[in-house]
Amino acid sequence: MSSNQITNNIRKLRFENDEMTQQKLADKAGVTRQTIIAIEAGKYSPSLTLAFKIADAFGVPIEDVFQYQQQDLKTNNESES
């Protein structure tokens, strides 16, 4: 079984960019402030298009904003090799 997780550096990037507000980022990305709040908190994964818009708002590559991590989890029923 595997567990996938998307993490982000939005909060850090906002503060590195003249303490950009969530509202200003939302305006640049064309979404609501609530959407930015949810993405920043890791409660919502953005579409690929939105992820690129957020990266563009900061002027950085998408991988500087978002990271994808896949973790393999062993279950008790699986035998170890």
PDB file of N, CA and C in Angstrom:
ATOM      1  N   MET A   1       0.852  -1.163   0.000  1.00  0.00           N
ATOM      2  CA  MET A   1       0.000   0.000   0.000  1.00  0.00           C
ATOM      3  C   MET A   1       0.904   1.234   0.000  1.00  0.00           C
ATOM      4  N   SER A   2       0.466   2.302  -0.674  1.00  0.00           N
ATOM      5  CA  SER A   2       1.273   3.522  -0.668  1.00  0.00           C
ATOM      6  C   SER A   2       0.420   4.711  -0.265  1.00  0.00           C
ATOM      7  N   SER A   3       1.088   5.704   0.284  1.00  0.00           N
ATOM      8  CA  SER A   3       0.440   6.934   0.704  1.00  0.00           C
ATOM      9  C   SER A   3       1.110   8.078  -0.043  1.00  0.00           C
ATOM     10  N   ASN A   4       0.326   8.891  -0.727  1.00  0.00           N
ATOM     11  CA  ASN A   4       0.863   9.995  -1.496  1.00  0.00           C
ATOM     12  C   ASN A   4       0.558  11.303  -0.791  1.00  0.00           C
ATOM     13  N   GLN A   5       1.513  12.204  -0.843  1.00  0.00           N
ATOM     14  CA  GLN A   5       1.324  13.472  -0.167  1.00  0.00           C
ATOM     15  C   GLN A   5       1.946  14.587  -0.993  1.00  0.00           C
ATOM     16  N   ILE A   6       1.206  15.669  -1.140  1.00  0.00           N
ATOM     17  CA  ILE A   6       1.725  16.862  -1.792  1.00  0.00           C
ATOM     18  C   ILE A   6       1.949  17.898  -0.702  1.00  0.00           C
ATOM     19  N   THR A   7       3.182  18.369  -0.613  1.00  0.00           N
ATOM     20  CA  THR A   7       3.507  19.418   0.345  1.00  0.00           C
ATOM     21  C   THR A   7       3.820  20.690  -0.432  1.00  0.00           C
ATOM     22  N   ASN A   8       3.838  21.813   0.279  1.00  0.00           N
ATOM     23  CA  ASN A   8       4.120  23.072  -0.418  1.00  0.00           C
ATOM     24  C   ASN A   8       4.902  24.036   0.463  1.00  0.00           C
ATOM     25  N   ASN A   9       5.479  25.017  -0.205  1.00  0.00           N
ATOM     26  CA  ASN A   9       6.252  26.074   0.451  1.00  0.00           C
ATOM     27  C   ASN A   9       5.577  27.432   0.284  1.00  0.00           C
ATOM     28  N   ILE A  10       4.270  27.450   0.136  1.00  0.00           N
ATOM     29  CA  ILE A  10       3.562  28.697  -0.156  1.00  0.00           C
ATOM     30  C   ILE A  10       3.769  29.726   0.946  1.00  0.00           C
ATOM     31  N   ARG A  11       3.605  29.331   2.176  1.00  0.00           N
ATOM     32  CA  ARG A  11       3.748  30.295   3.280  1.00  0.00           C
ATOM     33  C   ARG A  11       5.143  30.918   3.268  1.00  0.00           C
ATOM     34  N   LYS A  12       6.167  30.083   3.142  1.00  0.00           N
ATOM     35  CA  LYS A  12       7.545  30.572   3.104  1.00  0.00           C
ATOM     36  C   LYS A  12       7.748  31.523   1.927  1.00  0.00           C
ATOM     37  N   LEU A  13       7.261  31.155   0.753  1.00  0.00           N
ATOM     38  CA  LEU A  13       7.423  31.987  -0.433  1.00  0.00           C
ATOM     39  C   LEU A  13       6.671  33.313  -0.316  1.00  0.00           C
ATOM     40  N   ARG A  14       5.502  33.283   0.317  1.00  0.00           N
ATOM     41  CA  ARG A  14       4.762  34.540   0.518  1.00  0.00           C
ATOM     42  C   ARG A  14       5.581  35.516   1.355  1.00  0.00           C
ATOM     43  N   PHE A  15       6.186  35.012   2.410  1.00  0.00           N
ATOM     44  CA  PHE A  15       6.951  35.895   3.286  1.00  0.00           C
ATOM     45  C   PHE A  15       8.260  36.345   2.653  1.00  0.00           C
ATOM     46  N   GLU A  16       8.819  35.518   1.773  1.00  0.00           N
ATOM     47  CA  GLU A  16      10.031  35.912   1.050  1.00  0.00           C
ATOM     48  C   GLU A  16       9.724  36.931  -0.046  1.00  0.00           C
ATOM     49  N   ASN A  17       8.464  37.069  -0.411  1.00  0.00           N
ATOM     50  CA  ASN A  17       8.031  38.008  -1.445  1.00  0.00           C
ATOM     51  C   ASN A  17       7.295  39.172  -0.803  1.00  0.00           C
ATOM     52  N   ASP A  18       8.022  39.934  -0.019  1.00  0.00           N
ATOM     53  CA  ASP A  18       7.474  41.130   0.640  1.00  0.00           C
ATOM     54  C   ASP A  18       6.232  40.837   1.463  1.00  0.00           C
ATOM     55  N   GLU A  19       6.234  39.692   2.122  1.00  0.00           N
ATOM     56  CA  GLU A  19       5.105  39.287   2.963  1.00  0.00           C
ATOM     57  C   GLU A  19       3.770  39.377   2.212  1.00  0.00           C
ATOM     58  N   MET A  20       3.772  38.784   1.014  1.00  0.00           N
ATOM     59  CA  MET A  20       2.575  38.759   0.171  1.00  0.00           C
ATOM     60  C   MET A  20       1.400  38.168   0.949  1.00  0.00           C
ATOM     61  N   THR A  21       0.267  38.817   0.865  1.00  0.00           N
ATOM     62  CA  THR A  21      -0.912  38.310   1.558  1.00  0.00           C
ATOM     63  C   THR A  21      -1.518  37.147   0.775  1.00  0.00           C
ATOM     64  N   GLN A  22      -2.311  36.349   1.475  1.00  0.00           N
ATOM     65  CA  GLN A  22      -3.033  35.268   0.802  1.00  0.00           C
ATOM     66  C   GLN A  22      -3.974  35.842  -0.250  1.00  0.00           C
ATOM     67  N   GLN A  23      -4.559  37.000   0.037  1.00  0.00           N
ATOM     68  CA  GLN A  23      -5.478  37.617  -0.918  1.00  0.00           C
ATOM     69  C   GLN A  23      -4.747  38.036  -2.186  1.00  0.00           C
ATOM     70  N   LYS A  24      -3.567  38.616  -2.046  1.00  0.00           N
ATOM     71  CA  LYS A  24      -2.809  39.046  -3.221  1.00  0.00           C
ATOM     72  C   LYS A  24      -2.415  37.839  -4.069  1.00  0.00           C
ATOM     73  N   LEU A  25      -1.987  36.753  -3.424  1.00  0.00           N
ATOM     74  CA  LEU A  25      -1.657  35.534  -4.156  1.00  0.00           C
ATOM     75  C   LEU A  25      -2.896  34.985  -4.853  1.00  0.00           C
ATOM     76  N   ALA A  26      -4.023  35.001  -4.153  1.00  0.00           N
ATOM     77  CA  ALA A  26      -5.278  34.523  -4.745  1.00  0.00           C
ATOM     78  C   ALA A  26      -5.636  35.346  -5.981  1.00  0.00           C
ATOM     79  N   ASP A  27      -5.480  36.659  -5.896  1.00  0.00           N
ATOM     80  CA  ASP A  27      -5.776  37.536  -7.039  1.00  0.00           C
ATOM     81  C   ASP A  27      -4.865  37.214  -8.222  1.00  0.00           C
ATOM     82  N   LYS A  28      -3.583  37.000  -7.952  1.00  0.00           N
ATOM     83  CA  LYS A  28      -2.632  36.680  -9.020  1.00  0.00           C
ATOM     84  C   LYS A  28      -2.926  35.330  -9.660  1.00  0.00           C
ATOM     85  N   ALA A  29      -3.398  34.380  -8.857  1.00  0.00           N
ATOM     86  CA  ALA A  29      -3.671  33.029  -9.355  1.00  0.00           C
ATOM     87  C   ALA A  29      -5.093  32.878  -9.893  1.00  0.00           C
ATOM     88  N   GLY A  30      -5.951  33.865  -9.633  1.00  0.00           N
ATOM     89  CA  GLY A  30      -7.324  33.809 -10.137  1.00  0.00           C
ATOM     90  C   GLY A  30      -8.243  32.904  -9.349  1.00  0.00           C
ATOM     91  N   VAL A  31      -7.989  32.790  -8.043  1.00  0.00           N
ATOM     92  CA  VAL A  31      -8.839  31.968  -7.176  1.00  0.00           C
ATOM     93  C   VAL A  31      -9.222  32.776  -5.942  1.00  0.00           C
ATOM     94  N   THR A  32      -9.992  32.162  -5.061  1.00  0.00           N
ATOM     95  CA  THR A  32     -10.389  32.844  -3.833  1.00  0.00           C
ATOM     96  C   THR A  32      -9.311  32.691  -2.765  1.00  0.00           C
ATOM     97  N   ARG A  33      -9.362  33.566  -1.787  1.00  0.00           N
ATOM     98  CA  ARG A  33      -8.443  33.481  -0.650  1.00  0.00           C
ATOM     99  C   ARG A  33      -8.637  32.162   0.088  1.00  0.00           C
ATOM    100  N   GLN A  34      -9.873  31.693   0.176  1.00  0.00           N
ATOM    101  CA  GLN A  34     -10.159  30.437   0.859  1.00  0.00           C
ATOM    102  C   GLN A  34      -9.450  29.258   0.171  1.00  0.00           C
ATOM    103  N   THR A  35      -9.340  29.312  -1.147  1.00  0.00           N
ATOM    104  CA  THR A  35      -8.638  28.259  -1.879  1.00  0.00           C
ATOM    105  C   THR A  35      -7.159  28.266  -1.521  1.00  0.00           C
ATOM    106  N   ILE A  36      -6.554  29.450  -1.466  1.00  0.00           N
ATOM    107  CA  ILE A  36      -5.141  29.563  -1.093  1.00  0.00           C
ATOM    108  C   ILE A  36      -4.929  29.062   0.333  1.00  0.00           C
ATOM    109  N   ILE A  37      -5.833  29.421   1.242  1.00  0.00           N
ATOM    110  CA  ILE A  37      -5.740  28.958   2.633  1.00  0.00           C
ATOM    111  C   ILE A  37      -5.741  27.430   2.679  1.00  0.00           C
ATOM    112  N   ALA A  38      -6.655  26.802   1.946  1.00  0.00           N
ATOM    113  CA  ALA A  38      -6.772  25.340   1.953  1.00  0.00           C
ATOM    114  C   ALA A  38      -5.541  24.673   1.351  1.00  0.00           C
ATOM    115  N   ILE A  39      -5.014  25.227   0.262  1.00  0.00           N
ATOM    116  CA  ILE A  39      -3.814  24.655  -0.363  1.00  0.00           C
ATOM    117  C   ILE A  39      -2.625  24.807   0.575  1.00  0.00           C
ATOM    118  N   GLU A  40      -2.455  26.006   1.125  1.00  0.00           N
ATOM    119  CA  GLU A  40      -1.327  26.275   2.021  1.00  0.00           C
ATOM    120  C   GLU A  40      -1.347  25.352   3.242  1.00  0.00           C
ATOM    121  N   ALA A  41      -2.535  25.042   3.737  1.00  0.00           N
ATOM    122  CA  ALA A  41      -2.686  24.174   4.908  1.00  0.00           C
ATOM    123  C   ALA A  41      -2.590  22.687   4.554  1.00  0.00           C
ATOM    124  N   GLY A  42      -2.490  22.369   3.262  1.00  0.00           N
ATOM    125  CA  GLY A  42      -2.395  20.979   2.845  1.00  0.00           C
ATOM    126  C   GLY A  42      -3.721  20.244   2.856  1.00  0.00           C
ATOM    127  N   LYS A  43      -4.829  20.982   2.901  1.00  0.00           N
ATOM    128  CA  LYS A  43      -6.160  20.359   2.932  1.00  0.00           C
ATOM    129  C   LYS A  43      -6.743  20.179   1.538  1.00  0.00           C
ATOM    130  N   TYR A  44      -6.080  20.772   0.541  1.00  0.00           N
ATOM    131  CA  TYR A  44      -6.584  20.736  -0.831  1.00  0.00           C
ATOM    132  C   TYR A  44      -5.389  20.702  -1.772  1.00  0.00           C
ATOM    133  N   SER A  45      -5.425  19.820  -2.757  1.00  0.00           N
ATOM    134  CA  SER A  45      -4.379  19.758  -3.773  1.00  0.00           C
ATOM    135  C   SER A  45      -4.860  20.510  -5.014  1.00  0.00           C
ATOM    136  N   PRO A  46      -4.076  21.465  -5.462  1.00  0.00           N
ATOM    137  CA  PRO A  46      -4.507  22.266  -6.610  1.00  0.00           C
ATOM    138  C   PRO A  46      -4.437  21.479  -7.912  1.00  0.00           C
ATOM    139  N   SER A  47      -5.174  21.945  -8.899  1.00  0.00           N
ATOM    140  CA  SER A  47      -5.041  21.381 -10.239  1.00  0.00           C
ATOM    141  C   SER A  47      -3.652  21.727 -10.746  1.00  0.00           C
ATOM    142  N   LEU A  48      -3.216  21.056 -11.782  1.00  0.00           N
ATOM    143  CA  LEU A  48      -1.901  21.335 -12.356  1.00  0.00           C
ATOM    144  C   LEU A  48      -1.845  22.767 -12.874  1.00  0.00           C
ATOM    145  N   THR A  49      -2.912  23.230 -13.496  1.00  0.00           N
ATOM    146  CA  THR A  49      -2.967  24.598 -13.998  1.00  0.00           C
ATOM    147  C   THR A  49      -2.818  25.606 -12.870  1.00  0.00           C
ATOM    148  N   LEU A  50      -3.541  25.397 -11.779  1.00  0.00           N
ATOM    149  CA  LEU A  50      -3.454  26.307 -10.643  1.00  0.00           C
ATOM    150  C   LEU A  50      -2.071  26.252 -10.005  1.00  0.00           C
ATOM    151  N   ALA A  51      -1.487  25.081  -9.930  1.00  0.00           N
ATOM    152  CA  ALA A  51      -0.139  24.955  -9.362  1.00  0.00           C
ATOM    153  C   ALA A  51       0.855  25.785 -10.176  1.00  0.00           C
ATOM    154  N   PHE A  52       0.739  25.746 -11.500  1.00  0.00           N
ATOM    155  CA  PHE A  52       1.619  26.554 -12.345  1.00  0.00           C
ATOM    156  C   PHE A  52       1.347  28.048 -12.163  1.00  0.00           C
ATOM    157  N   LYS A  53       0.088  28.423 -11.999  1.00  0.00           N
ATOM    158  CA  LYS A  53      -0.238  29.839 -11.774  1.00  0.00           C
ATOM    159  C   LYS A  53       0.353  30.341 -10.467  1.00  0.00           C
ATOM    160  N   ILE A  54       0.310  29.522  -9.431  1.00  0.00           N
ATOM    161  CA  ILE A  54       0.878  29.904  -8.131  1.00  0.00           C
ATOM    162  C   ILE A  54       2.392  30.052  -8.257  1.00  0.00           C
ATOM    163  N   ALA A  55       3.038  29.103  -8.920  1.00  0.00           N
ATOM    164  CA  ALA A  55       4.484  29.193  -9.119  1.00  0.00           C
ATOM    165  C   ALA A  55       4.836  30.445  -9.917  1.00  0.00           C
ATOM    166  N   ASP A  56       4.052  30.737 -10.935  1.00  0.00           N
ATOM    167  CA  ASP A  56       4.285  31.930 -11.757  1.00  0.00           C
ATOM    168  C   ASP A  56       4.132  33.212 -10.937  1.00  0.00           C
ATOM    169  N   ALA A  57       3.192  33.225 -10.003  1.00  0.00           N
ATOM    170  CA  ALA A  57       2.981  34.399  -9.142  1.00  0.00           C
ATOM    171  C   ALA A  57       4.228  34.699  -8.323  1.00  0.00           C
ATOM    172  N   PHE A  58       4.986  33.653  -7.978  1.00  0.00           N
ATOM    173  CA  PHE A  58       6.220  33.830  -7.220  1.00  0.00           C
ATOM    174  C   PHE A  58       7.441  33.962  -8.132  1.00  0.00           C
ATOM    175  N   GLY A  59       7.268  33.648  -9.415  1.00  0.00           N
ATOM    176  CA  GLY A  59       8.383  33.711 -10.353  1.00  0.00           C
ATOM    177  C   GLY A  59       9.401  32.603 -10.147  1.00  0.00           C
ATOM    178  N   VAL A  60       8.909  31.441  -9.728  1.00  0.00           N
ATOM    179  CA  VAL A  60       9.791  30.294  -9.477  1.00  0.00           C
ATOM    180  C   VAL A  60       9.252  29.063 -10.192  1.00  0.00           C
ATOM    181  N   PRO A  61      10.104  28.042 -10.389  1.00  0.00           N
ATOM    182  CA  PRO A  61       9.613  26.785 -10.976  1.00  0.00           C
ATOM    183  C   PRO A  61       8.622  26.099 -10.036  1.00  0.00           C
ATOM    184  N   ILE A  62       7.750  25.317 -10.603  1.00  0.00           N
ATOM    185  CA  ILE A  62       6.699  24.653  -9.827  1.00  0.00           C
ATOM    186  C   ILE A  62       7.284  23.772  -8.722  1.00  0.00           C
ATOM    187  N   GLU A  63       8.447  23.157  -8.972  1.00  0.00           N
ATOM    188  CA  GLU A  63       9.031  22.273  -7.955  1.00  0.00           C
ATOM    189  C   GLU A  63       9.565  23.043  -6.747  1.00  0.00           C
ATOM    190  N   ASP A  64       9.718  24.362  -6.871  1.00  0.00           N
ATOM    191  CA  ASP A  64      10.092  25.182  -5.710  1.00  0.00           C
ATOM    192  C   ASP A  64       8.886  25.454  -4.814  1.00  0.00           C
ATOM    193  N   VAL A  65       7.683  25.258  -5.359  1.00  0.00           N
ATOM    194  CA  VAL A  65       6.457  25.499  -4.592  1.00  0.00           C
ATOM    195  C   VAL A  65       5.875  24.201  -4.061  1.00  0.00           C
ATOM    196  N   PHE A  66       5.781  23.190  -4.914  1.00  0.00           N
ATOM    197  CA  PHE A  66       5.122  21.935  -4.554  1.00  0.00           C
ATOM    198  C   PHE A  66       6.084  20.762  -4.637  1.00  0.00           C
ATOM    199  N   GLN A  67       5.922  19.823  -3.697  1.00  0.00           N
ATOM    200  CA  GLN A  67       6.691  18.594  -3.697  1.00  0.00           C
ATOM    201  C   GLN A  67       5.714  17.430  -3.570  1.00  0.00           C
ATOM    202  N   TYR A  68       5.991  16.391  -4.330  1.00  0.00           N
ATOM    203  CA  TYR A  68       5.173  15.180  -4.292  1.00  0.00           C
ATOM    204  C   TYR A  68       5.986  14.085  -3.629  1.00  0.00           C
ATOM    205  N   GLN A  69       5.431  13.484  -2.609  1.00  0.00           N
ATOM    206  CA  GLN A  69       6.119  12.425  -1.892  1.00  0.00           C
ATOM    207  C   GLN A  69       5.255  11.182  -1.874  1.00  0.00           C
ATOM    208  N   GLN A  70       5.846  10.073  -2.261  1.00  0.00           N
ATOM    209  CA  GLN A  70       5.147   8.796  -2.206  1.00  0.00           C
ATOM    210  C   GLN A  70       5.835   7.935  -1.173  1.00  0.00           C
ATOM    211  N   GLN A  71       5.065   7.425  -0.247  1.00  0.00           N
ATOM    212  CA  GLN A  71       5.608   6.585   0.810  1.00  0.00           C
ATOM    213  C   GLN A  71       4.984   5.206   0.707  1.00  0.00           C
ATOM    214  N   ASP A  72       5.824   4.195   0.694  1.00  0.00           N
ATOM    215  CA  ASP A  72       5.323   2.825   0.692  1.00  0.00           C
ATOM    216  C   ASP A  72       5.109   2.381   2.131  1.00  0.00           C
ATOM    217  N   LEU A  73       3.921   1.906   2.399  1.00  0.00           N
ATOM    218  CA  LEU A  73       3.581   1.444   3.740  1.00  0.00           C
ATOM    219  C   LEU A  73       3.373  -0.067   3.688  1.00  0.00           C
ATOM    220  N   LYS A  74       4.061  -0.774   4.553  1.00  0.00           N
ATOM    221  CA  LYS A  74       3.874  -2.228   4.614  1.00  0.00           C
ATOM    222  C   LYS A  74       2.708  -2.539   5.542  1.00  0.00           C
ATOM    223  N   THR A  75       1.891  -3.452   5.120  1.00  0.00           N
ATOM    224  CA  THR A  75       0.799  -3.882   5.992  1.00  0.00           C
ATOM    225  C   THR A  75       1.261  -5.113   6.768  1.00  0.00           C
ATOM    226  N   ASN A  76       0.557  -5.409   7.805  1.00  0.00           N
ATOM    227  CA  ASN A  76       0.901  -6.565   8.636  1.00  0.00           C
ATOM    228  C   ASN A  76       0.733  -7.876   7.894  1.00  0.00           C
ATOM    229  N   ASN A  77      -0.089  -7.890   6.840  1.00  0.00           N
ATOM    230  CA  ASN A  77      -0.360  -9.111   6.109  1.00  0.00           C
ATOM    231  C   ASN A  77       0.716  -9.427   5.079  1.00  0.00           C
ATOM    232  N   GLU A  78       1.571  -8.459   4.766  1.00  0.00           N
ATOM    233  CA  GLU A  78       2.596  -8.681   3.757  1.00  0.00           C
ATOM    234  C   GLU A  78       3.793  -9.342   4.407  1.00  0.00           C
ATOM    235  N   SER A  79       4.366 -10.299   3.698  1.00  0.00           N
ATOM    236  CA  SER A  79       5.564 -10.942   4.229  1.00  0.00           C
ATOM    237  C   SER A  79       6.796 -10.137   3.807  1.00  0.00           C
ATOM    238  N   GLU A  80       7.767 -10.093   4.697  1.00  0.00           N
ATOM    239  CA  GLU A  80       9.000  -9.376   4.384  1.00  0.00           C
ATOM    240  C   GLU A  80       9.938 -10.289   3.659  1.00  0.00           C
ATOM    241  N   SER A  81      10.664  -9.745   2.712  1.00  0.00           N
ATOM    242  CA  SER A  81      11.625 -10.549   1.921  1.00  0.00           C
ATOM    243  C   SER A  81      12.946 -10.634   2.606  1.00  0.00           C
TER     244      SER A  81
END
